[in-house]
Amino acid sequence: MLEQLKARGERVGRQAAADTAGRLGERVREAVPGVSVTVEGIVVTLSGRGLWRRWLADPALRWLGGLLR
C-alpha cells in the first residue's frame, strides 16, 4: 500500500514538473525573442548567439521563474 502511494506521488510529481517545464519553455519563447528553447522532459535548455551577454542585461533571463506567475 505504501509503495503504491509512493509510486503514485512520484508519477504525479514528475508530470507536474514536466508540465511546468513546458509552460516555462513557452513563456521564454514569448518573452525573449531570438533565443532557441528546447524542452525535454523536465529540462529546459536555452541557446542563442550572445545569450550570456543578454542574460547579464535582461532580467527576464536572469529570473526565469518570474515568467511562470
PDB file of N, CA and C in Angstrom:
ATOM      1  N   MET A   1       0.819  -1.194   0.000  1.00  0.00           N
ATOM      2  CA  MET A   1       0.000   0.000   0.000  1.00  0.00           C
ATOM      3  C   MET A   1       0.862   1.256   0.000  1.00  0.00           C
ATOM      4  N   LEU A   2       1.845   1.285   0.888  1.00  0.00           N
ATOM      5  CA  LEU A   2       2.719   2.450   0.967  1.00  0.00           C
ATOM      6  C   LEU A   2       3.538   2.620  -0.319  1.00  0.00           C
ATOM      7  N   GLU A   3       3.986   1.517  -0.890  1.00  0.00           N
ATOM      8  CA  GLU A   3       4.769   1.580  -2.127  1.00  0.00           C
ATOM      9  C   GLU A   3       3.920   2.108  -3.277  1.00  0.00           C
ATOM     10  N   GLN A   4       2.652   1.706  -3.332  1.00  0.00           N
ATOM     11  CA  GLN A   4       1.752   2.190  -4.383  1.00  0.00           C
ATOM     12  C   GLN A   4       1.531   3.688  -4.237  1.00  0.00           C
ATOM     13  N   LEU A   5       1.358   4.134  -3.016  1.00  0.00           N
ATOM     14  CA  LEU A   5       1.159   5.554  -2.756  1.00  0.00           C
ATOM     15  C   LEU A   5       2.407   6.349  -3.140  1.00  0.00           C
ATOM     16  N   LYS A   6       3.562   5.806  -2.807  1.00  0.00           N
ATOM     17  CA  LYS A   6       4.824   6.456  -3.145  1.00  0.00           C
ATOM     18  C   LYS A   6       4.995   6.535  -4.672  1.00  0.00           C
ATOM     19  N   ALA A   7       4.701   5.443  -5.375  1.00  0.00           N
ATOM     20  CA  ALA A   7       4.822   5.417  -6.836  1.00  0.00           C
ATOM     21  C   ALA A   7       3.866   6.412  -7.472  1.00  0.00           C
ATOM     22  N   ARG A   8       2.654   6.500  -6.941  1.00  0.00           N
ATOM     23  CA  ARG A   8       1.681   7.459  -7.472  1.00  0.00           C
ATOM     24  C   ARG A   8       2.158   8.891  -7.246  1.00  0.00           C
ATOM     25  N   GLY A   9       2.683   9.166  -6.060  1.00  0.00           N
ATOM     26  CA  GLY A   9       3.205  10.500  -5.767  1.00  0.00           C
ATOM     27  C   GLY A   9       4.344  10.881  -6.688  1.00  0.00           C
ATOM     28  N   GLU A  10       5.238   9.945  -6.959  1.00  0.00           N
ATOM     29  CA  GLU A  10       6.349  10.219  -7.868  1.00  0.00           C
ATOM     30  C   GLU A  10       5.844  10.492  -9.285  1.00  0.00           C
ATOM     31  N   ARG A  11       4.863   9.714  -9.720  1.00  0.00           N
ATOM     32  CA  ARG A  11       4.290   9.892 -11.050  1.00  0.00           C
ATOM     33  C   ARG A  11       3.621  11.261 -11.184  1.00  0.00           C
ATOM     34  N   VAL A  12       2.843  11.633 -10.185  1.00  0.00           N
ATOM     35  CA  VAL A  12       2.170  12.934 -10.198  1.00  0.00           C
ATOM     36  C   VAL A  12       3.200  14.066 -10.163  1.00  0.00           C
ATOM     37  N   GLY A  13       4.224  13.917  -9.345  1.00  0.00           N
ATOM     38  CA  GLY A  13       5.268  14.938  -9.253  1.00  0.00           C
ATOM     39  C   GLY A  13       6.035  15.100 -10.555  1.00  0.00           C
ATOM     40  N   ARG A  14       6.372  14.002 -11.200  1.00  0.00           N
ATOM     41  CA  ARG A  14       7.085  14.082 -12.478  1.00  0.00           C
ATOM     42  C   ARG A  14       6.235  14.741 -13.552  1.00  0.00           C
ATOM     43  N   GLN A  15       4.939  14.421 -13.566  1.00  0.00           N
ATOM     44  CA  GLN A  15       4.052  15.034 -14.556  1.00  0.00           C
ATOM     45  C   GLN A  15       3.924  16.532 -14.304  1.00  0.00           C
ATOM     46  N   ALA A  16       3.812  16.922 -13.048  1.00  0.00           N
ATOM     47  CA  ALA A  16       3.719  18.343 -12.712  1.00  0.00           C
ATOM     48  C   ALA A  16       4.998  19.075 -13.122  1.00  0.00           C
ATOM     49  N   ALA A  17       6.157  18.457 -12.898  1.00  0.00           N
ATOM     50  CA  ALA A  17       7.431  19.074 -13.286  1.00  0.00           C
ATOM     51  C   ALA A  17       7.528  19.203 -14.799  1.00  0.00           C
ATOM     52  N   ALA A  18       7.097  18.192 -15.532  1.00  0.00           N
ATOM     53  CA  ALA A  18       7.133  18.247 -16.993  1.00  0.00           C
ATOM     54  C   ALA A  18       6.172  19.315 -17.519  1.00  0.00           C
ATOM     55  N   ASP A  19       4.989  19.431 -16.924  1.00  0.00           N
ATOM     56  CA  ASP A  19       4.036  20.472 -17.327  1.00  0.00           C
ATOM     57  C   ASP A  19       4.605  21.861 -17.074  1.00  0.00           C
ATOM     58  N   THR A  20       5.244  22.043 -15.928  1.00  0.00           N
ATOM     59  CA  THR A  20       5.844  23.337 -15.587  1.00  0.00           C
ATOM     60  C   THR A  20       6.986  23.670 -16.543  1.00  0.00           C
ATOM     61  N   ALA A  21       7.805  22.690 -16.886  1.00  0.00           N
ATOM     62  CA  ALA A  21       8.896  22.918 -17.839  1.00  0.00           C
ATOM     63  C   ALA A  21       8.338  23.326 -19.193  1.00  0.00           C
ATOM     64  N   GLY A  22       7.261  22.698 -19.627  1.00  0.00           N
ATOM     65  CA  GLY A  22       6.629  23.067 -20.892  1.00  0.00           C
ATOM     66  C   GLY A  22       6.095  24.488 -20.877  1.00  0.00           C
ATOM     67  N   ARG A  23       5.434  24.866 -19.771  1.00  0.00           N
ATOM     68  CA  ARG A  23       4.926  26.240 -19.640  1.00  0.00           C
ATOM     69  C   ARG A  23       6.063  27.245 -19.647  1.00  0.00           C
ATOM     70  N   LEU A  24       7.143  26.923 -18.924  1.00  0.00           N
ATOM     71  CA  LEU A  24       8.297  27.818 -18.891  1.00  0.00           C
ATOM     72  C   LEU A  24       8.887  27.985 -20.280  1.00  0.00           C
ATOM     73  N   GLY A  25       9.023  26.890 -21.015  1.00  0.00           N
ATOM     74  CA  GLY A  25       9.548  26.967 -22.375  1.00  0.00           C
ATOM     75  C   GLY A  25       8.713  27.877 -23.256  1.00  0.00           C
ATOM     76  N   GLU A  26       7.407  27.762 -23.172  1.00  0.00           N
ATOM     77  CA  GLU A  26       6.521  28.615 -23.970  1.00  0.00           C
ATOM     78  C   GLU A  26       6.643  30.082 -23.570  1.00  0.00           C
ATOM     79  N   ARG A  27       6.695  30.335 -22.289  1.00  0.00           N
ATOM     80  CA  ARG A  27       6.791  31.725 -21.823  1.00  0.00           C
ATOM     81  C   ARG A  27       8.120  32.361 -22.220  1.00  0.00           C
ATOM     82  N   VAL A  28       9.200  31.598 -22.175  1.00  0.00           N
ATOM     83  CA  VAL A  28      10.502  32.128 -22.590  1.00  0.00           C
ATOM     84  C   VAL A  28      10.465  32.437 -24.079  1.00  0.00           C
ATOM     85  N   ARG A  29       9.864  31.551 -24.882  1.00  0.00           N
ATOM     86  CA  ARG A  29       9.753  31.808 -26.330  1.00  0.00           C
ATOM     87  C   ARG A  29       9.017  33.107 -26.596  1.00  0.00           C
ATOM     88  N   GLU A  30       7.963  33.379 -25.814  1.00  0.00           N
ATOM     89  CA  GLU A  30       7.177  34.601 -25.998  1.00  0.00           C
ATOM     90  C   GLU A  30       7.924  35.840 -25.523  1.00  0.00           C
ATOM     91  N   ALA A  31       8.612  35.736 -24.400  1.00  0.00           N
ATOM     92  CA  ALA A  31       9.204  36.908 -23.751  1.00  0.00           C
ATOM     93  C   ALA A  31      10.594  37.265 -24.252  1.00  0.00           C
ATOM     94  N   VAL A  32      11.319  36.308 -24.818  1.00  0.00           N
ATOM     95  CA  VAL A  32      12.714  36.551 -25.177  1.00  0.00           C
ATOM     96  C   VAL A  32      12.938  36.165 -26.644  1.00  0.00           C
ATOM     97  N   PRO A  33      12.705  37.093 -27.547  1.00  0.00           N
ATOM     98  CA  PRO A  33      12.904  36.773 -28.968  1.00  0.00           C
ATOM     99  C   PRO A  33      14.374  36.519 -29.289  1.00  0.00           C
ATOM    100  N   GLY A  34      14.593  35.653 -30.256  1.00  0.00           N
ATOM    101  CA  GLY A  34      15.955  35.366 -30.692  1.00  0.00           C
ATOM    102  C   GLY A  34      16.658  34.299 -29.884  1.00  0.00           C
ATOM    103  N   VAL A  35      15.956  33.702 -28.924  1.00  0.00           N
ATOM    104  CA  VAL A  35      16.543  32.641 -28.103  1.00  0.00           C
ATOM    105  C   VAL A  35      15.845  31.338 -28.459  1.00  0.00           C
ATOM    106  N   SER A  36      16.623  30.312 -28.712  1.00  0.00           N
ATOM    107  CA  SER A  36      16.084  28.994 -29.004  1.00  0.00           C
ATOM    108  C   SER A  36      15.829  28.261 -27.692  1.00  0.00           C
ATOM    109  N   VAL A  37      14.645  27.676 -27.580  1.00  0.00           N
ATOM    110  CA  VAL A  37      14.260  26.981 -26.350  1.00  0.00           C
ATOM    111  C   VAL A  37      13.944  25.529 -26.687  1.00  0.00           C
ATOM    112  N   THR A  38      14.548  24.612 -25.948  1.00  0.00           N
ATOM    113  CA  THR A  38      14.283  23.191 -26.099  1.00  0.00           C
ATOM    114  C   THR A  38      13.816  22.646 -24.760  1.00  0.00           C
ATOM    115  N   VAL A  39      12.705  21.925 -24.779  1.00  0.00           N
ATOM    116  CA  VAL A  39      12.180  21.305 -23.560  1.00  0.00           C
ATOM    117  C   VAL A  39      12.190  19.796 -23.767  1.00  0.00           C
ATOM    118  N   GLU A  40      12.911  19.097 -22.893  1.00  0.00           N
ATOM    119  CA  GLU A  40      12.972  17.637 -22.919  1.00  0.00           C
ATOM    120  C   GLU A  40      12.652  17.132 -21.521  1.00  0.00           C
ATOM    121  N   GLY A  41      11.446  16.673 -21.344  1.00  0.00           N
ATOM    122  CA  GLY A  41      11.024  16.218 -20.018  1.00  0.00           C
ATOM    123  C   GLY A  41      10.952  17.387 -19.063  1.00  0.00           C
ATOM    124  N   ILE A  42      11.828  17.389 -18.068  1.00  0.00           N
ATOM    125  CA  ILE A  42      11.840  18.482 -17.092  1.00  0.00           C
ATOM    126  C   ILE A  42      13.017  19.428 -17.305  1.00  0.00           C
ATOM    127  N   VAL A  43      13.759  19.243 -18.381  1.00  0.00           N
ATOM    128  CA  VAL A  43      14.942  20.063 -18.656  1.00  0.00           C
ATOM    129  C   VAL A  43      14.605  21.097 -19.720  1.00  0.00           C
ATOM    130  N   VAL A  44      14.827  22.368 -19.392  1.00  0.00           N
ATOM    131  CA  VAL A  44      14.621  23.466 -20.337  1.00  0.00           C
ATOM    132  C   VAL A  44      15.997  24.017 -20.692  1.00  0.00           C
ATOM    133  N   THR A  45      16.324  24.009 -21.983  1.00  0.00           N
ATOM    134  CA  THR A  45      17.627  24.469 -22.442  1.00  0.00           C
ATOM    135  C   THR A  45      17.447  25.690 -23.326  1.00  0.00           C
ATOM    136  N   LEU A  46      18.172  26.752 -23.003  1.00  0.00           N
ATOM    137  CA  LEU A  46      18.161  27.965 -23.815  1.00  0.00           C
ATOM    138  C   LEU A  46      19.462  28.046 -24.583  1.00  0.00           C
ATOM    139  N   SER A  47      19.382  28.509 -25.824  1.00  0.00           N
ATOM    140  CA  SER A  47      20.599  28.703 -26.603  1.00  0.00           C
ATOM    141  C   SER A  47      20.378  29.853 -27.576  1.00  0.00           C
ATOM    142  N   GLY A  48      21.470  30.457 -27.957  1.00  0.00           N
ATOM    143  CA  GLY A  48      21.399  31.557 -28.906  1.00  0.00           C
ATOM    144  C   GLY A  48      22.668  32.373 -28.868  1.00  0.00           C
ATOM    145  N   ARG A  49      22.880  33.082 -29.934  1.00  0.00           N
ATOM    146  CA  ARG A  49      24.073  33.914 -30.042  1.00  0.00           C
ATOM    147  C   ARG A  49      24.004  35.057 -29.037  1.00  0.00           C
ATOM    148  N   GLY A  50      25.069  35.259 -28.303  1.00  0.00           N
ATOM    149  CA  GLY A  50      25.147  36.349 -27.332  1.00  0.00           C
ATOM    150  C   GLY A  50      24.254  36.136 -26.121  1.00  0.00           C
ATOM    151  N   LEU A  51      23.871  34.904 -25.860  1.00  0.00           N
ATOM    152  CA  LEU A  51      22.961  34.637 -24.757  1.00  0.00           C
ATOM    153  C   LEU A  51      23.562  35.032 -23.411  1.00  0.00           C
ATOM    154  N   TRP A  52      24.839  34.818 -23.242  1.00  0.00           N
ATOM    155  CA  TRP A  52      25.485  35.173 -21.972  1.00  0.00           C
ATOM    156  C   TRP A  52      25.378  36.677 -21.711  1.00  0.00           C
ATOM    157  N   ARG A  53      25.654  37.486 -22.713  1.00  0.00           N
ATOM    158  CA  ARG A  53      25.540  38.941 -22.544  1.00  0.00           C
ATOM    159  C   ARG A  53      24.097  39.352 -22.293  1.00  0.00           C
ATOM    160  N   ARG A  54      23.171  38.713 -23.022  1.00  0.00           N
ATOM    161  CA  ARG A  54      21.756  39.023 -22.823  1.00  0.00           C
ATOM    162  C   ARG A  54      21.315  38.619 -21.421  1.00  0.00           C
ATOM    163  N   TRP A  55      21.839  37.497 -20.929  1.00  0.00           N
ATOM    164  CA  TRP A  55      21.492  37.055 -19.588  1.00  0.00           C
ATOM    165  C   TRP A  55      21.904  38.099 -18.560  1.00  0.00           C
ATOM    166  N   LEU A  56      23.078  38.708 -18.751  1.00  0.00           N
ATOM    167  CA  LEU A  56      23.557  39.733 -17.827  1.00  0.00           C
ATOM    168  C   LEU A  56      22.690  40.986 -17.864  1.00  0.00           C
ATOM    169  N   ALA A  57      22.152  41.326 -19.036  1.00  0.00           N
ATOM    170  CA  ALA A  57      21.429  42.579 -19.204  1.00  0.00           C
ATOM    171  C   ALA A  57      19.911  42.456 -19.047  1.00  0.00           C
ATOM    172  N   ASP A  58      19.342  41.293 -19.290  1.00  0.00           N
ATOM    173  CA  ASP A  58      17.891  41.134 -19.341  1.00  0.00           C
ATOM    174  C   ASP A  58      17.372  40.418 -18.087  1.00  0.00           C
ATOM    175  N   PRO A  59      16.613  41.116 -17.258  1.00  0.00           N
ATOM    176  CA  PRO A  59      16.092  40.488 -16.047  1.00  0.00           C
ATOM    177  C   PRO A  59      15.189  39.283 -16.330  1.00  0.00           C
ATOM    178  N   ALA A  60      14.501  39.281 -17.463  1.00  0.00           N
ATOM    179  CA  ALA A  60      13.627  38.145 -17.799  1.00  0.00           C
ATOM    180  C   ALA A  60      14.434  36.857 -17.931  1.00  0.00           C
ATOM    181  N   LEU A  61      15.667  36.961 -18.375  1.00  0.00           N
ATOM    182  CA  LEU A  61      16.518  35.778 -18.492  1.00  0.00           C
ATOM    183  C   LEU A  61      17.129  35.379 -17.153  1.00  0.00           C
ATOM    184  N   ARG A  62      17.413  36.358 -16.306  1.00  0.00           N
ATOM    185  CA  ARG A  62      18.014  36.040 -15.008  1.00  0.00           C
ATOM    186  C   ARG A  62      17.012  35.422 -14.047  1.00  0.00           C
ATOM    187  N   TRP A  63      15.763  35.801 -14.145  1.00  0.00           N
ATOM    188  CA  TRP A  63      14.739  35.332 -13.210  1.00  0.00           C
ATOM    189  C   TRP A  63      13.630  34.619 -13.983  1.00  0.00           C
ATOM    190  N   LEU A  64      13.944  33.466 -14.565  1.00  0.00           N
ATOM    191  CA  LEU A  64      13.002  32.735 -15.395  1.00  0.00           C
ATOM    192  C   LEU A  64      11.750  32.310 -14.624  1.00  0.00           C
ATOM    193  N   GLY A  65      11.880  32.068 -13.350  1.00  0.00           N
ATOM    194  CA  GLY A  65      10.719  31.681 -12.544  1.00  0.00           C
ATOM    195  C   GLY A  65       9.649  32.756 -12.520  1.00  0.00           C
ATOM    196  N   GLY A  66      10.051  34.006 -12.687  1.00  0.00           N
ATOM    197  CA  GLY A  66       9.079  35.093 -12.725  1.00  0.00           C
ATOM    198  C   GLY A  66       8.148  35.005 -13.916  1.00  0.00           C
ATOM    199  N   LEU A  67       8.550  34.313 -14.964  1.00  0.00           N
ATOM    200  CA  LEU A  67       7.699  34.160 -16.138  1.00  0.00           C
ATOM    201  C   LEU A  67       6.544  33.185 -15.877  1.00  0.00           C
ATOM    202  N   LEU A  68       6.616  32.422 -14.811  1.00  0.00           N
ATOM    203  CA  LEU A  68       5.574  31.449 -14.504  1.00  0.00           C
ATOM    204  C   LEU A  68       4.446  32.015 -13.668  1.00  0.00           C
ATOM    205  N   ARG A  69       4.543  33.243 -13.253  1.00  0.00           N
ATOM    206  CA  ARG A  69       3.489  33.856 -12.423  1.00  0.00           C
ATOM    207  C   ARG A  69       2.274  34.153 -13.241  1.00  0.00           C
TER     208      ARG A  69
END
